[in-house]
Amino acid sequence: MILLPWWVYLCIIGIIYSGYMAFQTARQDRVVDEEFIENEGRIFIERIEKEREKRDKEKQLKVISVDENLDEDDTQKDKTAV
């Protein structure tokens, strides 16, 4: 083995440790990012479902009101026809 000054070995160990820590940090960041994205996706889907329910309720109310108007028109026609 080639004999080098002690500080060269220290630098090599520091480089290896730095690479290891960079890898670990990148992996932890990826996990945190995935959790954040999943949470935001869940919130978005819940908002879409609420909006869909709201539109369905409005649609049902419109259908009911149209049916009532048709019933009123039929009653008025019956009264005028008699």
PDB file of N, CA and C in Angstrom:
ATOM      1  N   MET A   1       0.848  -1.173   0.000  1.00  0.00           N
ATOM      2  CA  MET A   1       0.000   0.000   0.000  1.00  0.00           C
ATOM      3  C   MET A   1       0.892   1.232   0.000  1.00  0.00           C
ATOM      4  N   ILE A   2       0.442   2.221  -0.759  1.00  0.00           N
ATOM      5  CA  ILE A   2       1.223   3.454  -0.854  1.00  0.00           C
ATOM      6  C   ILE A   2       1.012   4.265   0.412  1.00  0.00           C
ATOM      7  N   LEU A   3       2.085   4.747   0.973  1.00  0.00           N
ATOM      8  CA  LEU A   3       1.981   5.582   2.160  1.00  0.00           C
ATOM      9  C   LEU A   3       1.736   7.024   1.752  1.00  0.00           C
ATOM     10  N   LEU A   4       0.644   7.556   2.254  1.00  0.00           N
ATOM     11  CA  LEU A   4       0.282   8.950   1.988  1.00  0.00           C
ATOM     12  C   LEU A   4       0.173   9.674   3.314  1.00  0.00           C
ATOM     13  N   PRO A   5       0.255  10.963   3.289  1.00  0.00           N
ATOM     14  CA  PRO A   5       0.079  11.710   4.549  1.00  0.00           C
ATOM     15  C   PRO A   5      -1.312  11.439   5.135  1.00  0.00           C
ATOM     16  N   TRP A   6      -1.418  11.581   6.433  1.00  0.00           N
ATOM     17  CA  TRP A   6      -2.665  11.267   7.144  1.00  0.00           C
ATOM     18  C   TRP A   6      -3.839  12.114   6.670  1.00  0.00           C
ATOM     19  N   TRP A   7      -3.580  13.367   6.273  1.00  0.00           N
ATOM     20  CA  TRP A   7      -4.677  14.256   5.866  1.00  0.00           C
ATOM     21  C   TRP A   7      -5.291  13.822   4.531  1.00  0.00           C
ATOM     22  N   VAL A   8      -4.556  13.106   3.695  1.00  0.00           N
ATOM     23  CA  VAL A   8      -5.107  12.594   2.439  1.00  0.00           C
ATOM     24  C   VAL A   8      -6.140  11.508   2.747  1.00  0.00           C
ATOM     25  N   TYR A   9      -5.794  10.630   3.693  1.00  0.00           N
ATOM     26  CA  TYR A   9      -6.753   9.612   4.100  1.00  0.00           C
ATOM     27  C   TYR A   9      -7.999  10.261   4.710  1.00  0.00           C
ATOM     28  N   LEU A  10      -7.799  11.298   5.467  1.00  0.00           N
ATOM     29  CA  LEU A  10      -8.912  12.024   6.077  1.00  0.00           C
ATOM     30  C   LEU A  10      -9.808  12.640   4.996  1.00  0.00           C
ATOM     31  N   CYS A  11      -9.196  13.191   3.959  1.00  0.00           N
ATOM     32  CA  CYS A  11      -9.972  13.766   2.849  1.00  0.00           C
ATOM     33  C   CYS A  11     -10.767  12.682   2.115  1.00  0.00           C
ATOM     34  N   ILE A  12     -10.156  11.544   1.906  1.00  0.00           N
ATOM     35  CA  ILE A  12     -10.843  10.436   1.231  1.00  0.00           C
ATOM     36  C   ILE A  12     -12.035   9.961   2.064  1.00  0.00           C
ATOM     37  N   ILE A  13     -11.827   9.830   3.362  1.00  0.00           N
ATOM     38  CA  ILE A  13     -12.918   9.431   4.252  1.00  0.00           C
ATOM     39  C   ILE A  13     -14.032  10.493   4.240  1.00  0.00           C
ATOM     40  N   GLY A  14     -13.626  11.755   4.226  1.00  0.00           N
ATOM     41  CA  GLY A  14     -14.617  12.846   4.170  1.00  0.00           C
ATOM     42  C   GLY A  14     -15.429  12.823   2.879  1.00  0.00           C
ATOM     43  N   ILE A  15     -14.780  12.535   1.763  1.00  0.00           N
ATOM     44  CA  ILE A  15     -15.479  12.460   0.474  1.00  0.00           C
ATOM     45  C   ILE A  15     -16.480  11.300   0.475  1.00  0.00           C
ATOM     46  N   ILE A  16     -16.045  10.156   0.982  1.00  0.00           N
ATOM     47  CA  ILE A  16     -16.932   8.998   1.041  1.00  0.00           C
ATOM     48  C   ILE A  16     -18.128   9.285   1.961  1.00  0.00           C
ATOM     49  N   TYR A  17     -17.869   9.873   3.117  1.00  0.00           N
ATOM     50  CA  TYR A  17     -18.942  10.215   4.063  1.00  0.00           C
ATOM     51  C   TYR A  17     -19.898  11.230   3.451  1.00  0.00           C
ATOM     52  N   SER A  18     -19.358  12.205   2.758  1.00  0.00           N
ATOM     53  CA  SER A  18     -20.190  13.217   2.113  1.00  0.00           C
ATOM     54  C   SER A  18     -21.104  12.590   1.051  1.00  0.00           C
ATOM     55  N   GLY A  19     -20.588  11.679   0.269  1.00  0.00           N
ATOM     56  CA  GLY A  19     -21.402  10.975  -0.727  1.00  0.00           C
ATOM     57  C   GLY A  19     -22.500  10.152  -0.074  1.00  0.00           C
ATOM     58  N   TYR A  20     -22.147   9.476   1.015  1.00  0.00           N
ATOM     59  CA  TYR A  20     -23.134   8.676   1.743  1.00  0.00           C
ATOM     60  C   TYR A  20     -24.260   9.562   2.274  1.00  0.00           C
ATOM     61  N   MET A  21     -23.898  10.683   2.878  1.00  0.00           N
ATOM     62  CA  MET A  21     -24.910  11.594   3.436  1.00  0.00           C
ATOM     63  C   MET A  21     -25.764  12.205   2.326  1.00  0.00           C
ATOM     64  N   ALA A  22     -25.179  12.516   1.188  1.00  0.00           N
ATOM     65  CA  ALA A  22     -25.956  13.060   0.066  1.00  0.00           C
ATOM     66  C   ALA A  22     -26.975  12.024  -0.399  1.00  0.00           C
ATOM     67  N   PHE A  23     -26.563  10.759  -0.481  1.00  0.00           N
ATOM     68  CA  PHE A  23     -27.478   9.692  -0.881  1.00  0.00           C
ATOM     69  C   PHE A  23     -28.615   9.549   0.125  1.00  0.00           C
ATOM     70  N   GLN A  24     -28.295   9.527   1.405  1.00  0.00           N
ATOM     71  CA  GLN A  24     -29.307   9.395   2.447  1.00  0.00           C
ATOM     72  C   GLN A  24     -30.300  10.563   2.410  1.00  0.00           C
ATOM     73  N   THR A  25     -29.791  11.763   2.272  1.00  0.00           N
ATOM     74  CA  THR A  25     -30.647  12.946   2.245  1.00  0.00           C
ATOM     75  C   THR A  25     -31.558  12.931   1.023  1.00  0.00           C
ATOM     76  N   ALA A  26     -31.040  12.537  -0.114  1.00  0.00           N
ATOM     77  CA  ALA A  26     -31.856  12.460  -1.326  1.00  0.00           C
ATOM     78  C   ALA A  26     -32.978  11.439  -1.148  1.00  0.00           C
ATOM     79  N   ARG A  27     -32.675  10.321  -0.526  1.00  0.00           N
ATOM     80  CA  ARG A  27     -33.688   9.292  -0.300  1.00  0.00           C
ATOM     81  C   ARG A  27     -34.767   9.793   0.662  1.00  0.00           C
ATOM     82  N   GLN A  28     -34.366  10.485   1.728  1.00  0.00           N
ATOM     83  CA  GLN A  28     -35.338  11.034   2.679  1.00  0.00           C
ATOM     84  C   GLN A  28     -36.200  12.105   2.016  1.00  0.00           C
ATOM     85  N   ASP A  29     -35.600  12.954   1.193  1.00  0.00           N
ATOM     86  CA  ASP A  29     -36.359  13.983   0.483  1.00  0.00           C
ATOM     87  C   ASP A  29     -37.385  13.358  -0.447  1.00  0.00           C
ATOM     88  N   ARG A  30     -37.007  12.286  -1.104  1.00  0.00           N
ATOM     89  CA  ARG A  30     -37.925  11.607  -2.019  1.00  0.00           C
ATOM     90  C   ARG A  30     -39.135  11.068  -1.251  1.00  0.00           C
ATOM     91  N   VAL A  31     -38.895  10.502  -0.083  1.00  0.00           N
ATOM     92  CA  VAL A  31     -39.991   9.972   0.732  1.00  0.00           C
ATOM     93  C   VAL A  31     -40.914  11.103   1.176  1.00  0.00           C
ATOM     94  N   VAL A  32     -40.344  12.201   1.632  1.00  0.00           N
ATOM     95  CA  VAL A  32     -41.148  13.341   2.075  1.00  0.00           C
ATOM     96  C   VAL A  32     -41.937  13.916   0.903  1.00  0.00           C
ATOM     97  N   ASP A  33     -41.327  14.035  -0.254  1.00  0.00           N
ATOM     98  CA  ASP A  33     -42.015  14.555  -1.433  1.00  0.00           C
ATOM     99  C   ASP A  33     -43.176  13.653  -1.834  1.00  0.00           C
ATOM    100  N   GLU A  34     -42.981  12.347  -1.797  1.00  0.00           N
ATOM    101  CA  GLU A  34     -44.049  11.416  -2.159  1.00  0.00           C
ATOM    102  C   GLU A  34     -45.222  11.542  -1.195  1.00  0.00           C
ATOM    103  N   GLU A  35     -44.933  11.676   0.106  1.00  0.00           N
ATOM    104  CA  GLU A  35     -46.002  11.844   1.093  1.00  0.00           C
ATOM    105  C   GLU A  35     -46.764  13.143   0.836  1.00  0.00           C
ATOM    106  N   PHE A  36     -46.041  14.205   0.536  1.00  0.00           N
ATOM    107  CA  PHE A  36     -46.679  15.494   0.265  1.00  0.00           C
ATOM    108  C   PHE A  36     -47.565  15.402  -0.976  1.00  0.00           C
ATOM    109  N   ILE A  37     -47.052  14.780  -2.026  1.00  0.00           N
ATOM    110  CA  ILE A  37     -47.817  14.651  -3.264  1.00  0.00           C
ATOM    111  C   ILE A  37     -49.071  13.805  -3.037  1.00  0.00           C
ATOM    112  N   GLU A  38     -48.940  12.723  -2.279  1.00  0.00           N
ATOM    113  CA  GLU A  38     -50.110  11.889  -1.990  1.00  0.00           C
ATOM    114  C   GLU A  38     -51.150  12.679  -1.215  1.00  0.00           C
ATOM    115  N   ASN A  39     -50.716  13.456  -0.235  1.00  0.00           N
ATOM    116  CA  ASN A  39     -51.633  14.251   0.571  1.00  0.00           C
ATOM    117  C   ASN A  39     -52.345  15.289  -0.295  1.00  0.00           C
ATOM    118  N   GLU A  40     -51.603  15.984  -1.133  1.00  0.00           N
ATOM    119  CA  GLU A  40     -52.208  16.987  -2.005  1.00  0.00           C
ATOM    120  C   GLU A  40     -53.174  16.334  -2.997  1.00  0.00           C
ATOM    121  N   GLY A  41     -52.829  15.164  -3.504  1.00  0.00           N
ATOM    122  CA  GLY A  41     -53.714  14.437  -4.413  1.00  0.00           C
ATOM    123  C   GLY A  41     -55.003  14.033  -3.728  1.00  0.00           C
ATOM    124  N   ARG A  42     -54.891  13.593  -2.487  1.00  0.00           N
ATOM    125  CA  ARG A  42     -56.071  13.206  -1.717  1.00  0.00           C
ATOM    126  C   ARG A  42     -56.983  14.414  -1.504  1.00  0.00           C
ATOM    127  N   ILE A  43     -56.398  15.551  -1.168  1.00  0.00           N
ATOM    128  CA  ILE A  43     -57.179  16.778  -0.970  1.00  0.00           C
ATOM    129  C   ILE A  43     -57.868  17.167  -2.268  1.00  0.00           C
ATOM    130  N   PHE A  44     -57.157  17.069  -3.383  1.00  0.00           N
ATOM    131  CA  PHE A  44     -57.730  17.429  -4.684  1.00  0.00           C
ATOM    132  C   PHE A  44     -58.902  16.517  -5.037  1.00  0.00           C
ATOM    133  N   ILE A  45     -58.742  15.214  -4.804  1.00  0.00           N
ATOM    134  CA  ILE A  45     -59.808  14.274  -5.112  1.00  0.00           C
ATOM    135  C   ILE A  45     -61.029  14.536  -4.237  1.00  0.00           C
ATOM    136  N   GLU A  46     -60.811  14.831  -2.946  1.00  0.00           N
ATOM    137  CA  GLU A  46     -61.936  15.149  -2.059  1.00  0.00           C
ATOM    138  C   GLU A  46     -62.668  16.396  -2.545  1.00  0.00           C
ATOM    139  N   ARG A  47     -61.937  17.395  -2.991  1.00  0.00           N
ATOM    140  CA  ARG A  47     -62.556  18.615  -3.483  1.00  0.00           C
ATOM    141  C   ARG A  47     -63.375  18.330  -4.741  1.00  0.00           C
ATOM    142  N   ILE A  48     -62.849  17.505  -5.626  1.00  0.00           N
ATOM    143  CA  ILE A  48     -63.582  17.152  -6.846  1.00  0.00           C
ATOM    144  C   ILE A  48     -64.863  16.392  -6.491  1.00  0.00           C
ATOM    145  N   GLU A  49     -64.783  15.462  -5.540  1.00  0.00           N
ATOM    146  CA  GLU A  49     -65.972  14.698  -5.143  1.00  0.00           C
ATOM    147  C   GLU A  49     -67.031  15.611  -4.537  1.00  0.00           C
ATOM    148  N   LYS A  50     -66.619  16.562  -3.702  1.00  0.00           N
ATOM    149  CA  LYS A  50     -67.579  17.508  -3.118  1.00  0.00           C
ATOM    150  C   LYS A  50     -68.233  18.341  -4.209  1.00  0.00           C
ATOM    151  N   GLU A  51     -67.434  18.786  -5.155  1.00  0.00           N
ATOM    152  CA  GLU A  51     -67.957  19.581  -6.266  1.00  0.00           C
ATOM    153  C   GLU A  51     -68.934  18.757  -7.099  1.00  0.00           C
ATOM    154  N   ARG A  52     -68.626  17.497  -7.332  1.00  0.00           N
ATOM    155  CA  ARG A  52     -69.510  16.610  -8.093  1.00  0.00           C
ATOM    156  C   ARG A  52     -70.834  16.413  -7.354  1.00  0.00           C
ATOM    157  N   GLU A  53     -70.756  16.195  -6.029  1.00  0.00           N
ATOM    158  CA  GLU A  53     -71.980  16.044  -5.235  1.00  0.00           C
ATOM    159  C   GLU A  53     -72.825  17.314  -5.295  1.00  0.00           C
ATOM    160  N   LYS A  54     -72.168  18.457  -5.219  1.00  0.00           N
ATOM    161  CA  LYS A  54     -72.872  19.735  -5.280  1.00  0.00           C
ATOM    162  C   LYS A  54     -73.586  19.878  -6.626  1.00  0.00           C
ATOM    163  N   ARG A  55     -72.892  19.552  -7.725  1.00  0.00           N
ATOM    164  CA  ARG A  55     -73.515  19.639  -9.057  1.00  0.00           C
ATOM    165  C   ARG A  55     -74.678  18.671  -9.184  1.00  0.00           C
ATOM    166  N   ASP A  56     -74.533  17.456  -8.631  1.00  0.00           N
ATOM    167  CA  ASP A  56     -75.626  16.477  -8.694  1.00  0.00           C
ATOM    168  C   ASP A  56     -76.851  16.980  -7.936  1.00  0.00           C
ATOM    169  N   LYS A  57     -76.639  17.584  -6.764  1.00  0.00           N
ATOM    170  CA  LYS A  57     -77.758  18.133  -5.995  1.00  0.00           C
ATOM    171  C   LYS A  57     -78.431  19.258  -6.761  1.00  0.00           C
ATOM    172  N   GLU A  58     -77.634  20.146  -7.363  1.00  0.00           N
ATOM    173  CA  GLU A  58     -78.212  21.241  -8.148  1.00  0.00           C
ATOM    174  C   GLU A  58     -78.994  20.695  -9.329  1.00  0.00           C
ATOM    175  N   LYS A  59     -78.475  19.658  -9.964  1.00  0.00           N
ATOM    176  CA  LYS A  59     -79.151  19.046 -11.110  1.00  0.00           C
ATOM    177  C   LYS A  59     -80.483  18.448 -10.674  1.00  0.00           C
ATOM    178  N   GLN A  60     -80.499  17.771  -9.515  1.00  0.00           N
ATOM    179  CA  GLN A  60     -81.732  17.178  -9.007  1.00  0.00           C
ATOM    180  C   GLN A  60     -82.753  18.260  -8.682  1.00  0.00           C
ATOM    181  N   LEU A  61     -82.304  19.369  -8.105  1.00  0.00           N
ATOM    182  CA  LEU A  61     -83.222  20.464  -7.787  1.00  0.00           C
ATOM    183  C   LEU A  61     -83.806  21.068  -9.057  1.00  0.00           C
ATOM    184  N   LYS A  62     -82.993  21.189 -10.102  1.00  0.00           N
ATOM    185  CA  LYS A  62     -83.494  21.722 -11.371  1.00  0.00           C
ATOM    186  C   LYS A  62     -84.535  20.789 -11.968  1.00  0.00           C
ATOM    187  N   VAL A  63     -84.289  19.487 -11.906  1.00  0.00           N
ATOM    188  CA  VAL A  63     -85.235  18.516 -12.448  1.00  0.00           C
ATOM    189  C   VAL A  63     -86.542  18.583 -11.682  1.00  0.00           C
ATOM    190  N   ILE A  64     -86.471  18.682 -10.373  1.00  0.00           N
ATOM    191  CA  ILE A  64     -87.677  18.767  -9.546  1.00  0.00           C
ATOM    192  C   ILE A  64     -88.449  20.039  -9.870  1.00  0.00           C
ATOM    193  N   SER A  65     -87.746  21.163  -9.983  1.00  0.00           N
ATOM    194  CA  SER A  65     -88.437  22.422 -10.274  1.00  0.00           C
ATOM    195  C   SER A  65     -89.047  22.400 -11.673  1.00  0.00           C
ATOM    196  N   VAL A  66     -88.392  21.783 -12.638  1.00  0.00           N
ATOM    197  CA  VAL A  66     -88.947  21.671 -13.991  1.00  0.00           C
ATOM    198  C   VAL A  66     -90.200  20.802 -13.959  1.00  0.00           C
ATOM    199  N   ASP A  67     -90.157  19.698 -13.205  1.00  0.00           N
ATOM    200  CA  ASP A  67     -91.326  18.828 -13.079  1.00  0.00           C
ATOM    201  C   ASP A  67     -92.491  19.583 -12.453  1.00  0.00           C
ATOM    202  N   GLU A  68     -92.238  20.384 -11.442  1.00  0.00           N
ATOM    203  CA  GLU A  68     -93.292  21.161 -10.794  1.00  0.00           C
ATOM    204  C   GLU A  68     -93.880  22.176 -11.766  1.00  0.00           C
ATOM    205  N   ASN A  69     -93.022  22.822 -12.544  1.00  0.00           N
ATOM    206  CA  ASN A  69     -93.511  23.789 -13.525  1.00  0.00           C
ATOM    207  C   ASN A  69     -94.370  23.107 -14.581  1.00  0.00           C
ATOM    208  N   LEU A  70     -93.972  21.926 -15.009  1.00  0.00           N
ATOM    209  CA  LEU A  70     -94.765  21.187 -15.991  1.00  0.00           C
ATOM    210  C   LEU A  70     -96.121  20.804 -15.407  1.00  0.00           C
ATOM    211  N   ASP A  71     -96.143  20.383 -14.147  1.00  0.00           N
ATOM    212  CA  ASP A  71     -97.393  20.028 -13.487  1.00  0.00           C
ATOM    213  C   ASP A  71     -98.312  21.245 -13.400  1.00  0.00           C
ATOM    214  N   GLU A  72     -97.745  22.410 -13.068  1.00  0.00           N
ATOM    215  CA  GLU A  72     -98.546  23.633 -12.975  1.00  0.00           C
ATOM    216  C   GLU A  72     -99.110  24.016 -14.339  1.00  0.00           C
ATOM    217  N   ASP A  73     -98.304  23.876 -15.394  1.00  0.00           N
ATOM    218  CA  ASP A  73     -98.764  24.188 -16.740  1.00  0.00           C
ATOM    219  C   ASP A  73     -99.903  23.259 -17.153  1.00  0.00           C
ATOM    220  N   ASP A  74     -99.779  21.965 -16.825  1.00  0.00           N
ATOM    221  CA  ASP A  74    -100.831  21.006 -17.161  1.00  0.00           C
ATOM    222  C   ASP A  74    -102.126  21.345 -16.432  1.00  0.00           C
ATOM    223  N   THR A  75    -102.025  21.758 -15.176  1.00  0.00           N
ATOM    224  CA  THR A  75    -103.218  22.105 -14.404  1.00  0.00           C
ATOM    225  C   THR A  75    -103.889  23.334 -14.981  1.00  0.00           C
ATOM    226  N   GLN A  76    -103.087  24.312 -15.378  1.00  0.00           N
ATOM    227  CA  GLN A  76    -103.663  25.520 -15.969  1.00  0.00           C
ATOM    228  C   GLN A  76    -104.324  25.207 -17.308  1.00  0.00           C
ATOM    229  N   LYS A  77    -103.751  24.327 -18.091  1.00  0.00           N
ATOM    230  CA  LYS A  77    -104.340  23.951 -19.380  1.00  0.00           C
ATOM    231  C   LYS A  77    -105.656  23.218 -19.171  1.00  0.00           C
ATOM    232  N   ASP A  78    -105.683  22.351 -18.129  1.00  0.00           N
ATOM    233  CA  ASP A  78    -106.910  21.620 -17.828  1.00  0.00           C
ATOM    234  C   ASP A  78    -108.021  22.584 -17.422  1.00  0.00           C
ATOM    235  N   LYS A  79    -107.705  23.610 -16.645  1.00  0.00           N
ATOM    236  CA  LYS A  79    -108.698  24.567 -16.187  1.00  0.00           C
ATOM    237  C   LYS A  79    -109.235  25.385 -17.361  1.00  0.00           C
ATOM    238  N   THR A  80    -108.341  25.762 -18.271  1.00  0.00           N
ATOM    239  CA  THR A  80    -108.792  26.561 -19.423  1.00  0.00           C
ATOM    240  C   THR A  80    -109.564  25.728 -20.416  1.00  0.00           C
ATOM    241  N   ALA A  81    -109.289  24.445 -20.483  1.00  0.00           N
ATOM    242  CA  ALA A  81    -109.955  23.573 -21.440  1.00  0.00           C
ATOM    243  C   ALA A  81    -111.378  23.272 -20.997  1.00  0.00           C
ATOM    244  N   VAL A  82    -111.658  23.314 -19.711  1.00  0.00           N
ATOM    245  CA  VAL A  82    -112.978  22.948 -19.192  1.00  0.00           C
ATOM    246  C   VAL A  82    -113.919  24.068 -19.320  1.00  0.00           C
TER     247      VAL A  82
END
